[in-house]
Amino acid sequence: MEDKIRRIMSAVFGVPMESIDGLTSHQTLEQWDSLSHMKLVTALEEEFGVVFSDSEILELLSYPLVLLILSEKTGTPRR
């Protein structure tokens, strides 16, 4: 799951997959604006077959939070 999330974030934000880590957030990535945020949400929903609530969309502001929320939604334990 983590590799899929990192691959998606890499593609959406146009950064190397290796640069996506526990510190990656809307505050550390200049490319993470409102449009790219919605692209990320859409890509995650399509890849994982989930639908995020409005409050979840507002919370998806960092790689760790994306991982946490997706783990909860899919029932997949985090490593």
Protein backbone atom coordinates (compact mmCIF):
# COMPACT_ATOMS: atom_id res chain seq x y z
CA MET A 1 0.00 0.00 0.00
CA GLU A 2 2.77 2.44 0.89
CA ASP A 3 4.48 2.05 -2.48
CA LYS A 4 1.18 2.62 -4.31
CA ILE A 5 0.54 5.80 -2.32
CA ARG A 6 4.06 7.06 -2.91
CA ARG A 7 3.79 6.26 -6.64
CA ILE A 8 0.50 8.17 -6.89
CA MET A 9 1.83 11.15 -4.95
CA SER A 10 4.95 11.18 -7.09
CA ALA A 11 2.88 11.25 -10.28
CA VAL A 12 0.42 13.89 -9.02
CA PHE A 13 3.07 16.24 -7.67
CA GLY A 14 5.75 15.55 -10.27
CA VAL A 15 8.45 14.64 -7.76
CA PRO A 16 10.63 11.52 -7.45
CA MET A 17 8.97 8.68 -5.56
CA GLU A 18 11.99 8.54 -3.24
CA SER A 19 11.26 12.07 -2.04
CA ILE A 20 7.86 11.05 -0.61
CA ASP A 21 8.45 10.26 3.06
CA GLY A 22 7.11 10.83 6.56
CA LEU A 23 7.80 14.55 6.30
CA THR A 24 5.99 15.09 2.99
CA SER A 25 3.03 17.42 3.41
CA HIS A 26 1.20 20.33 1.85
CA GLN A 27 3.65 22.54 3.74
CA THR A 28 6.81 20.90 2.39
CA LEU A 29 5.79 20.44 -1.25
CA GLU A 30 5.43 23.63 -3.28
CA GLN A 31 3.48 21.64 -5.90
CA TRP A 32 0.77 20.67 -3.35
CA ASP A 33 -1.89 23.26 -4.12
CA SER A 34 -5.69 22.96 -4.11
CA LEU A 35 -5.85 21.59 -7.67
CA SER A 36 -3.16 18.97 -7.13
CA HIS A 37 -4.82 18.05 -3.82
CA MET A 38 -8.05 17.19 -5.63
CA LYS A 39 -6.08 15.25 -8.26
CA LEU A 40 -4.48 13.28 -5.41
CA VAL A 41 -7.87 12.56 -3.84
CA THR A 42 -9.30 11.37 -7.15
CA ALA A 43 -6.27 9.19 -7.92
CA LEU A 44 -6.37 7.59 -4.46
CA GLU A 45 -10.10 6.92 -4.70
CA GLU A 46 -9.69 5.28 -8.11
CA GLU A 47 -6.67 3.18 -7.11
CA PHE A 48 -8.05 1.94 -3.79
CA GLY A 49 -11.77 1.80 -4.63
CA VAL A 50 -12.78 4.13 -1.80
CA VAL A 51 -14.70 7.38 -1.48
CA PHE A 52 -13.44 10.00 0.93
CA SER A 53 -15.84 12.11 2.97
CA ASP A 54 -15.49 15.89 2.90
CA SER A 55 -13.80 15.85 6.31
CA GLU A 56 -11.36 13.14 5.19
CA ILE A 57 -10.47 15.16 2.08
CA LEU A 58 -9.61 18.10 4.32
CA GLU A 59 -7.42 15.85 6.49
CA LEU A 60 -5.35 14.36 3.65
CA LEU A 61 -2.58 16.93 4.07
CA SER A 62 0.50 14.74 4.45
CA TYR A 63 1.86 11.36 3.43
CA PRO A 64 1.44 9.96 6.96
CA LEU A 65 -2.19 11.13 7.11
CA VAL A 66 -2.94 9.70 3.65
CA LEU A 67 -1.48 6.39 4.81
CA LEU A 68 -3.44 6.44 8.08
CA ILE A 69 -6.80 7.34 6.55
CA LEU A 70 -6.44 4.86 3.68
CA SER A 71 -5.40 2.11 6.09
CA GLU A 72 -8.53 2.76 8.15
CA LYS A 73 -10.80 2.89 5.08
CA THR A 74 -9.44 -0.26 3.49
CA GLY A 75 -8.80 -2.22 6.68
CA THR A 76 -5.19 -2.71 5.61
CA PRO A 77 -2.76 -2.58 8.54
CA ARG A 78 0.11 -0.14 8.28
CA ARG A 79 3.64 -1.49 8.52
